[in-house]
N, C-alpha and C. Protein backbone atom coordinates (compact mmCIF):
# COMPACT_ATOMS: atom_id res chain seq x y z
N UNK A 1 -21.56 2.38 3.29
CA UNK A 1 -20.48 2.64 3.93
C UNK A 1 -20.86 4.52 3.44
N UNK A 2 -20.66 5.05 4.46
CA UNK A 2 -20.55 6.86 3.87
C UNK A 2 -19.02 6.97 3.71
N UNK A 3 -19.21 8.30 2.94
CA UNK A 3 -17.70 8.66 2.60
C UNK A 3 -16.49 8.75 3.60
N UNK A 4 -17.21 9.34 4.84
CA UNK A 4 -16.28 9.64 5.63
C UNK A 4 -15.80 8.54 6.48
N UNK A 5 -16.76 7.52 6.79
CA UNK A 5 -16.16 6.00 7.22
C UNK A 5 -15.41 5.44 6.35
N UNK A 6 -15.51 5.57 4.96
CA UNK A 6 -14.41 5.04 4.48
C UNK A 6 -12.90 5.71 4.10
N UNK A 7 -13.33 6.98 4.14
CA UNK A 7 -11.99 7.64 4.11
C UNK A 7 -11.08 7.65 5.61
N UNK A 8 -11.75 7.47 6.42
CA UNK A 8 -11.08 7.14 7.99
C UNK A 8 -10.47 5.67 7.88
N UNK A 9 -11.51 4.73 7.45
CA UNK A 9 -11.14 3.38 7.51
C UNK A 9 -9.89 3.13 6.58
N UNK A 10 -9.50 4.16 5.21
CA UNK A 10 -8.27 4.26 4.67
C UNK A 10 -7.18 4.48 5.27
N UNK A 11 -7.44 5.56 5.75
CA UNK A 11 -6.44 6.29 6.42
C UNK A 11 -5.84 5.63 7.75
N UNK A 12 -6.56 5.25 8.69
CA UNK A 12 -6.12 4.31 9.44
C UNK A 12 -5.53 2.70 9.17
N UNK A 13 -5.89 2.51 7.81
CA UNK A 13 -5.53 1.19 7.28
C UNK A 13 -3.75 1.71 6.67
N UNK A 14 -3.67 2.68 6.45
CA UNK A 14 -2.74 3.09 5.64
C UNK A 14 -1.47 3.38 6.77
N UNK A 15 -1.91 4.00 7.55
CA UNK A 15 -1.00 4.58 9.05
C UNK A 15 -0.39 2.83 9.77
N UNK A 16 -1.47 2.24 9.70
CA UNK A 16 -1.07 0.71 10.37
C UNK A 16 0.11 0.21 9.66
N UNK A 17 -0.40 0.13 8.24
CA UNK A 17 0.61 -0.58 7.04
C UNK A 17 2.05 -0.37 7.33
N UNK A 18 2.04 1.45 7.03
CA UNK A 18 3.34 2.08 6.65
C UNK A 18 3.99 2.43 8.23
N UNK A 19 3.43 2.59 9.36
CA UNK A 19 4.11 2.66 10.41
C UNK A 19 4.07 1.58 11.38
N UNK A 20 3.01 0.53 11.18
CA UNK A 20 3.14 -0.76 11.91
C UNK A 20 4.06 -2.04 11.58
N UNK A 21 3.98 -2.19 9.96
CA UNK A 21 5.17 -2.97 9.56
C UNK A 21 6.99 -2.52 10.21
N UNK A 22 7.33 -1.20 10.24
CA UNK A 22 8.36 -1.22 10.68
C UNK A 22 8.50 -1.25 12.36
N UNK A 23 7.37 -0.87 12.83
CA UNK A 23 7.38 -0.79 14.45
C UNK A 23 7.68 -2.70 14.66
N UNK A 24 6.64 -3.59 13.95
CA UNK A 24 7.03 -4.92 14.12
C UNK A 24 8.48 -5.05 14.14
N UNK A 25 8.94 -4.76 12.93
CA UNK A 25 10.54 -5.08 12.76
C UNK A 25 11.29 -4.66 13.73
N UNK A 26 11.16 -3.68 14.54
CA UNK A 26 11.88 -2.70 15.50
C UNK A 26 11.64 -3.80 16.87
N UNK A 27 10.16 -4.13 16.86
CA UNK A 27 9.92 -4.84 18.44
C UNK A 27 8.85 -3.70 18.80
N UNK A 28 7.71 -4.59 18.77
CA UNK A 28 6.57 -3.63 19.27
C UNK A 28 6.62 -3.34 21.17
N UNK A 29 7.17 -4.04 21.76
CA UNK A 29 7.45 -3.90 23.16
C UNK A 29 8.22 -2.64 23.17
N UNK A 30 9.22 -2.35 22.10
CA UNK A 30 9.99 -1.10 22.40
C UNK A 30 9.58 0.16 21.66
N UNK A 31 8.07 0.62 22.05
CA UNK A 31 7.92 1.86 21.23
C UNK A 31 8.65 2.87 21.48
N UNK A 32 8.89 3.10 23.08
CA UNK A 32 9.96 4.30 23.33
C UNK A 32 11.24 4.29 22.61
N UNK A 33 11.69 3.24 22.30
CA UNK A 33 12.84 3.20 21.37
C UNK A 33 12.71 3.58 20.26
N UNK A 34 11.65 2.79 19.70
CA UNK A 34 11.55 3.12 18.07
C UNK A 34 11.10 4.85 18.03
N UNK A 35 10.35 5.34 18.47
CA UNK A 35 10.24 6.78 18.52
C UNK A 35 10.99 7.46 18.98
N UNK A 36 12.12 7.19 20.02
CA UNK A 36 12.92 7.79 20.66
C UNK A 36 14.27 7.95 19.47
N UNK A 37 14.33 7.02 18.56
CA UNK A 37 15.31 7.00 17.33
C UNK A 37 15.18 8.53 16.34
N UNK A 38 16.34 9.17 16.26
CA UNK A 38 16.15 10.35 15.75
C UNK A 38 15.35 10.38 14.09
N UNK A 39 15.65 9.02 13.55
CA UNK A 39 15.13 9.09 12.56
C UNK A 39 13.63 8.42 12.15
N UNK A 40 13.42 7.67 13.08
CA UNK A 40 12.28 7.16 12.93
C UNK A 40 10.89 7.62 13.38
N UNK A 41 11.35 8.80 14.29
CA UNK A 41 9.91 9.59 14.85
C UNK A 41 9.61 10.48 13.42
N UNK A 42 10.34 11.19 12.48
CA UNK A 42 10.26 11.83 11.74
C UNK A 42 9.33 10.96 10.62
N UNK A 43 10.19 9.83 10.18
CA UNK A 43 9.74 8.89 9.48
C UNK A 43 7.92 8.76 9.87
N UNK A 44 7.74 8.56 10.86
CA UNK A 44 6.13 8.27 11.63
C UNK A 44 5.20 9.32 11.11
N UNK A 45 6.13 10.66 11.42
CA UNK A 45 5.35 12.24 11.10
C UNK A 45 5.07 12.01 9.50
N UNK A 46 5.77 11.69 8.86
CA UNK A 46 5.91 12.13 7.23
C UNK A 46 4.96 11.10 6.53
N UNK A 47 4.94 9.81 7.22
CA UNK A 47 4.13 8.82 6.81
C UNK A 47 2.56 8.90 7.02
N UNK A 48 2.39 9.54 8.32
CA UNK A 48 1.14 9.85 8.43
C UNK A 48 0.65 10.90 7.98
N UNK A 49 1.49 12.17 7.89
CA UNK A 49 0.85 13.25 7.17
C UNK A 49 0.90 12.64 5.35
N UNK A 50 1.81 11.66 5.17
CA UNK A 50 1.23 11.59 3.70
C UNK A 50 0.06 10.62 3.47
N UNK A 51 -0.52 10.07 4.29
CA UNK A 51 -1.36 9.20 3.94
C UNK A 51 -2.63 10.26 4.51
N UNK A 52 -2.63 11.21 5.14
CA UNK A 52 -3.63 12.06 5.34
C UNK A 52 -4.02 12.66 3.85
N UNK A 53 -2.84 13.19 3.50
CA UNK A 53 -2.89 13.93 2.15
C UNK A 53 -3.35 13.21 0.69
N UNK A 54 -3.16 12.08 0.94
CA UNK A 54 -3.62 11.18 -0.20
C UNK A 54 -5.02 10.78 -0.03
N UNK A 55 -5.68 10.53 1.51
CA UNK A 55 -6.90 9.95 1.55
C UNK A 55 -7.90 11.65 1.18
N UNK A 56 -7.19 12.60 1.40
CA UNK A 56 -7.97 14.23 1.25
C UNK A 56 -7.87 14.44 -0.46
N UNK A 57 -6.57 14.37 -0.67
CA UNK A 57 -6.40 14.83 -2.51
C UNK A 57 -6.95 13.80 -3.29
N UNK A 58 -6.82 12.54 -2.88
CA UNK A 58 -7.26 11.40 -3.95
C UNK A 58 -8.06 10.17 -3.39
N UNK A 59 -9.25 10.36 -3.07
CA UNK A 59 -10.25 9.62 -1.77
C UNK A 59 -10.68 8.55 -2.73
N UNK A 60 -10.42 8.28 -4.28
CA UNK A 60 -10.99 7.20 -4.78
C UNK A 60 -9.57 5.96 -5.43
N UNK A 61 -8.43 6.70 -5.32
CA UNK A 61 -7.55 6.14 -6.02
C UNK A 61 -7.31 4.45 -5.62
N UNK A 62 -7.41 3.71 -6.60
CA UNK A 62 -7.59 2.53 -6.71
C UNK A 62 -8.74 1.95 -6.25
N UNK A 63 -9.65 2.68 -6.60
CA UNK A 63 -11.04 2.16 -6.57
C UNK A 63 -11.93 2.13 -7.78
N UNK A 64 -10.88 2.16 -9.12
CA UNK A 64 -11.76 2.48 -10.28
C UNK A 64 -11.32 1.17 -10.96
N UNK A 65 -12.24 0.20 -10.72
CA UNK A 65 -12.02 -1.24 -11.48
C UNK A 65 -13.23 -1.20 -12.43
N UNK A 66 -12.45 -1.56 -14.02
CA UNK A 66 -12.90 -1.43 -15.23
C UNK A 66 -13.02 -2.93 -15.51
N UNK A 67 -13.70 -3.21 -16.69
CA UNK A 67 -13.41 -4.49 -17.41
C UNK A 67 -12.44 -5.06 -17.57
N UNK A 68 -11.10 -4.37 -18.05
CA UNK A 68 -9.97 -4.42 -18.15
C UNK A 68 -9.55 -4.63 -19.68
N UNK A 69 -8.72 -4.75 -20.14
CA UNK A 69 -8.21 -4.70 -21.26
C UNK A 69 -8.10 -6.24 -22.03
N UNK A 70 -8.21 -6.31 -23.31
CA UNK A 70 -8.51 -7.58 -24.07
C UNK A 70 -6.69 -7.85 -24.14
N UNK A 71 -6.31 -9.17 -23.96
CA UNK A 71 -4.66 -9.13 -24.64
C UNK A 71 -4.55 -9.53 -25.88
N UNK A 72 -3.68 -9.01 -26.66
CA UNK A 72 -3.99 -9.68 -27.93
C UNK A 72 -2.46 -9.34 -28.72
N UNK A 73 -2.33 -9.77 -29.60
CA UNK A 73 -0.94 -9.62 -30.54
C UNK A 73 0.16 -10.36 -29.70
N UNK A 74 1.25 -9.76 -30.13
CA UNK A 74 2.56 -10.10 -29.72
C UNK A 74 2.36 -10.60 -27.98
N UNK A 75 1.73 -9.39 -27.50
CA UNK A 75 2.00 -9.34 -25.92
C UNK A 75 1.33 -11.11 -25.67
N UNK A 76 -0.33 -11.33 -26.09
CA UNK A 76 -0.69 -12.80 -26.33
C UNK A 76 0.24 -13.85 -26.21
N UNK A 77 1.60 -13.64 -27.31
CA UNK A 77 2.20 -14.47 -27.42
C UNK A 77 3.15 -14.63 -26.57
N UNK A 78 3.77 -13.74 -25.70
CA UNK A 78 4.59 -13.55 -24.79
C UNK A 78 4.02 -14.20 -23.61
N UNK A 79 2.81 -14.22 -23.43
CA UNK A 79 2.10 -14.54 -21.98
C UNK A 79 2.17 -16.04 -22.37
N UNK A 80 1.52 -16.52 -23.26
CA UNK A 80 1.71 -17.82 -23.61
C UNK A 80 2.91 -18.64 -23.40
N UNK A 81 3.98 -18.18 -23.82
CA UNK A 81 5.24 -18.58 -23.88
C UNK A 81 5.70 -18.58 -22.37
N UNK A 82 5.58 -17.60 -21.43
CA UNK A 82 5.99 -17.63 -19.77
C UNK A 82 5.04 -19.04 -19.47
N UNK A 83 3.80 -19.10 -19.87
CA UNK A 83 2.82 -19.83 -19.32
C UNK A 83 3.45 -21.47 -19.61
N UNK A 84 3.74 -21.77 -21.07
CA UNK A 84 4.25 -22.93 -21.26
C UNK A 84 5.60 -23.21 -20.83
N UNK A 85 6.52 -22.32 -20.71
CA UNK A 85 7.82 -22.36 -19.98
C UNK A 85 8.02 -22.45 -18.24
N UNK A 86 6.99 -22.01 -17.65
CA UNK A 86 6.62 -22.48 -16.32
C UNK A 86 6.24 -23.70 -16.19
N UNK A 87 5.33 -24.47 -16.82
CA UNK A 87 4.83 -25.89 -17.02
C UNK A 87 6.09 -26.75 -17.25
N UNK A 88 7.12 -26.55 -18.06
CA UNK A 88 7.89 -27.19 -18.38
C UNK A 88 9.42 -27.04 -17.33
N UNK A 89 9.38 -26.11 -16.19
CA UNK A 89 10.40 -25.92 -15.48
C UNK A 89 10.12 -27.27 -14.50
């Protein structure tokens, strides 16, 4: 996948996520009412603008997947304790 297609995909996904979910809560058939609200229209504009800026300035954010870290020491103890406690409940 080319970089442009990936950027456009991330842009559209972000806009659908950050604008689509509030729109679903408001009610999709009432899009004019959603856009006519004096608070929601600027929210849509800011959400779209921020999504564009994120895609342009940080195109690979969230794409850095490495090997991860080995959990050790006291953190391992607490992780195991949580696991055992969860089974006991």
